[in-house]
Protein backbone atom coordinates (compact mmCIF):
# COMPACT_ATOMS: atom_id res chain seq x y z
CA MET A 1 71.64 22.83 55.74
CA GLY A 2 73.25 23.46 59.11
CA ASN A 3 76.14 25.46 57.68
CA THR A 4 74.81 28.69 56.22
CA SER A 5 77.77 29.01 53.86
CA SER A 6 76.50 26.00 51.91
CA MET A 7 73.79 26.24 49.31
CA LEU A 8 70.45 24.48 49.55
CA THR A 9 70.15 21.35 47.45
CA GLN A 10 66.92 20.43 45.67
CA TYR A 11 66.49 17.72 48.29
CA ASP A 12 66.84 20.30 51.11
CA ILE A 13 64.27 22.55 49.47
CA GLU A 14 61.77 19.72 49.05
CA GLU A 15 62.35 18.53 52.62
CA VAL A 16 61.73 22.02 54.02
CA GLN A 17 58.71 22.45 51.78
CA GLN A 18 57.23 19.21 53.06
CA HIS A 19 58.09 20.13 56.67
CA CYS A 20 56.08 23.36 56.38
CA ASN A 21 53.12 21.62 54.69
CA ASN A 22 53.75 23.39 51.38
CA ALA A 23 53.06 26.81 52.88
CA PHE A 24 55.89 28.18 50.70
CA SER A 25 56.91 27.61 47.11
CA GLN A 26 60.40 26.36 46.34
CA GLN A 27 61.45 29.86 45.23
CA GLU A 28 60.08 31.35 48.46
CA ILE A 29 62.11 28.79 50.43
CA VAL A 30 65.26 29.85 48.59
CA SER A 31 64.46 33.50 49.42
CA LEU A 32 63.83 32.60 53.05
CA TYR A 33 67.16 30.78 53.16
CA GLU A 34 68.93 33.90 51.90
CA ARG A 35 67.19 35.93 54.62
CA PHE A 36 68.03 33.29 57.23
CA CYS A 37 71.71 33.47 56.24
CA GLN A 38 71.61 37.28 56.63
CA LEU A 39 70.15 36.92 60.13
CA ASP A 40 72.61 34.17 61.12
CA ARG A 41 75.50 36.60 61.45
CA ASN A 42 77.91 34.14 63.03
CA GLY A 43 77.20 31.44 60.42
CA GLY A 44 76.39 28.78 63.01
CA GLY A 45 73.25 27.53 61.31
CA PHE A 46 70.94 28.86 64.03
CA VAL A 47 69.33 32.24 64.57
CA SER A 48 69.37 33.69 68.07
CA GLY A 49 66.75 35.91 69.61
CA GLU A 50 69.18 38.82 69.42
CA GLU A 51 69.60 38.25 65.68
CA PHE A 52 65.81 38.25 65.23
CA LEU A 53 65.60 41.57 67.03
CA SER A 54 67.72 43.06 64.23
CA VAL A 55 64.59 42.87 62.02
CA PRO A 56 62.86 46.22 62.62
CA GLU A 57 59.35 44.85 62.02
CA PHE A 58 59.95 42.18 64.61
CA ALA A 59 61.58 44.46 67.15
CA VAL A 60 58.54 46.79 67.28
CA ASN A 61 55.97 43.97 67.49
CA PRO A 62 54.23 44.15 70.89
CA LEU A 63 54.52 40.37 71.17
CA SER A 64 58.21 40.24 70.20
CA GLN A 65 59.45 39.18 73.65
CA ARG A 66 56.87 36.39 73.78
CA LEU A 67 57.74 35.29 70.23
CA LEU A 68 61.46 35.28 71.07
CA THR A 69 60.92 32.30 73.34
CA MET A 70 59.51 30.45 70.33
CA LEU A 71 62.27 31.63 68.00
CA ASP A 72 65.54 31.55 69.88
CA GLY A 73 67.94 28.97 68.47
CA LEU A 74 65.95 27.90 65.41
CA ASN A 75 67.68 26.18 62.52
CA PHE A 76 66.52 26.92 58.97
CA LYS A 77 63.89 24.18 58.83
CA GLU A 78 62.38 25.35 62.14
CA PHE A 79 62.60 28.98 60.98
CA VAL A 80 60.51 28.19 57.88
CA ALA A 81 58.03 26.14 59.94
CA PHE A 82 57.64 29.11 62.32
CA LEU A 83 57.04 31.52 59.44
CA SER A 84 54.61 29.17 57.70
CA ALA A 85 51.83 30.27 60.06
CA PHE A 86 52.01 33.69 58.37
CA SER A 87 51.75 32.31 54.84
CA PRO A 88 48.52 32.86 52.93
CA ARG A 89 48.70 29.13 52.10
CA ALA A 90 48.68 28.12 55.78
CA THR A 91 45.55 26.33 56.89
CA VAL A 92 43.27 27.73 59.57
CA GLN A 93 44.40 24.83 61.77
CA GLN A 94 48.07 25.85 61.39
CA LYS A 95 47.22 29.44 62.27
CA ILE A 96 45.20 28.39 65.33
CA GLU A 97 48.06 26.13 66.50
CA PHE A 98 50.47 29.05 66.18
CA ILE A 99 48.19 31.40 68.13
CA PHE A 100 47.75 28.75 70.81
CA LYS A 101 51.56 28.49 71.18
CA VAL A 102 51.78 32.27 71.59
CA TYR A 103 49.36 32.08 74.53
CA ASP A 104 50.79 28.83 75.94
CA SER A 105 54.15 30.37 76.78
CA ASP A 106 55.24 27.56 79.10
CA GLY A 107 54.35 24.90 76.53
CA ASN A 108 52.26 22.79 78.90
CA GLY A 109 49.32 22.51 76.49
CA LYS A 110 47.04 24.67 78.66
CA VAL A 111 46.24 28.36 78.60
CA THR A 112 45.28 29.98 81.89
CA PHE A 113 43.58 33.26 82.65
CA ASN A 114 46.99 34.72 83.52
CA ASP A 115 48.47 33.53 80.20
CA MET A 116 45.71 35.39 78.36
CA LEU A 117 46.12 38.40 80.63
CA ASP A 118 49.86 38.49 79.85
CA VAL A 119 49.18 38.54 76.09
CA LEU A 120 46.54 41.21 76.54
CA HIS A 121 49.05 43.25 78.55
CA ASP A 122 51.67 42.86 75.79
CA LEU A 123 49.14 44.06 73.23
CA THR A 124 47.70 46.99 75.17
CA GLY A 125 50.69 48.16 77.21
CA GLN A 126 49.82 51.12 79.38
CA PHE A 127 46.75 52.09 77.32
CA ILE A 128 44.40 50.32 79.71
CA SER A 129 44.81 49.44 83.38
CA GLU A 130 45.37 45.95 84.75
CA HIS A 131 41.91 46.10 86.32
CA GLN A 132 40.32 46.99 82.96
CA ARG A 133 42.18 44.13 81.24
CA GLU A 134 40.92 41.67 83.87
CA GLN A 135 37.35 42.94 83.46
CA VAL A 136 37.46 42.67 79.66
CA LEU A 137 39.01 39.22 79.69
CA THR A 138 36.58 37.94 82.35
CA LYS A 139 33.64 39.18 80.27
CA VAL A 140 34.96 37.63 77.04
CA LEU A 141 35.56 34.30 78.76
CA GLU A 142 32.09 34.32 80.31
CA GLU A 143 30.49 35.07 76.94
CA ALA A 144 32.37 32.08 75.51
CA GLY A 145 31.22 29.82 78.35
CA TYR A 146 34.42 29.80 80.41
CA THR A 147 35.50 31.17 83.78
CA LYS A 148 38.72 32.70 85.11
CA GLU A 149 39.60 29.23 86.45
CA SER A 150 39.19 27.50 83.07
CA LEU A 151 42.26 25.91 81.50
CA LEU A 152 41.91 26.25 77.75
CA VAL A 153 43.40 23.61 75.44
CA MET A 154 43.90 23.60 71.69
CA SER A 155 40.38 22.31 71.00
CA ASP A 156 38.95 25.33 72.86
CA PHE A 157 40.81 27.63 70.47
CA VAL A 158 39.45 25.67 67.50
CA LYS A 159 35.94 25.81 68.97
CA ALA A 160 36.24 29.58 69.51
CA TYR A 161 37.20 30.05 65.86
CA HIS A 162 34.18 28.11 64.63
CA ALA A 163 31.76 29.80 67.04
């Protein structure tokens, strides 16, 4: 699986399918492998952030720079696991875990006010001021029972979904 010039075996397909919690069918995994091979221009078995930016839909995403830190250097199995959060077959838990990782850019398991502010900035750009973003985020946190000093963990994201 590491060498993109090789074909996927049935075992590889089943292993990847299991790794992504059956978010993709076997045929979808084969299609994703073909796309992965197109992105992996140097044939090294890994896709770089630069190679991901060659996908127009990704390049224009306001969160693309944040997502690049999650994507850079993925092998095929990791690539499929990353994409599984976008599958209609992904569970709510998988989607929440993905969203949490987007906010938790340093990977420490905690999301701070500034982490949330950074994502909000990425999403809104220059359309609203920094002061307005801080006001909005402070209000949302207060309504959810948190403060600017709160460190949110995964269970807080789950709780917010079920609220």
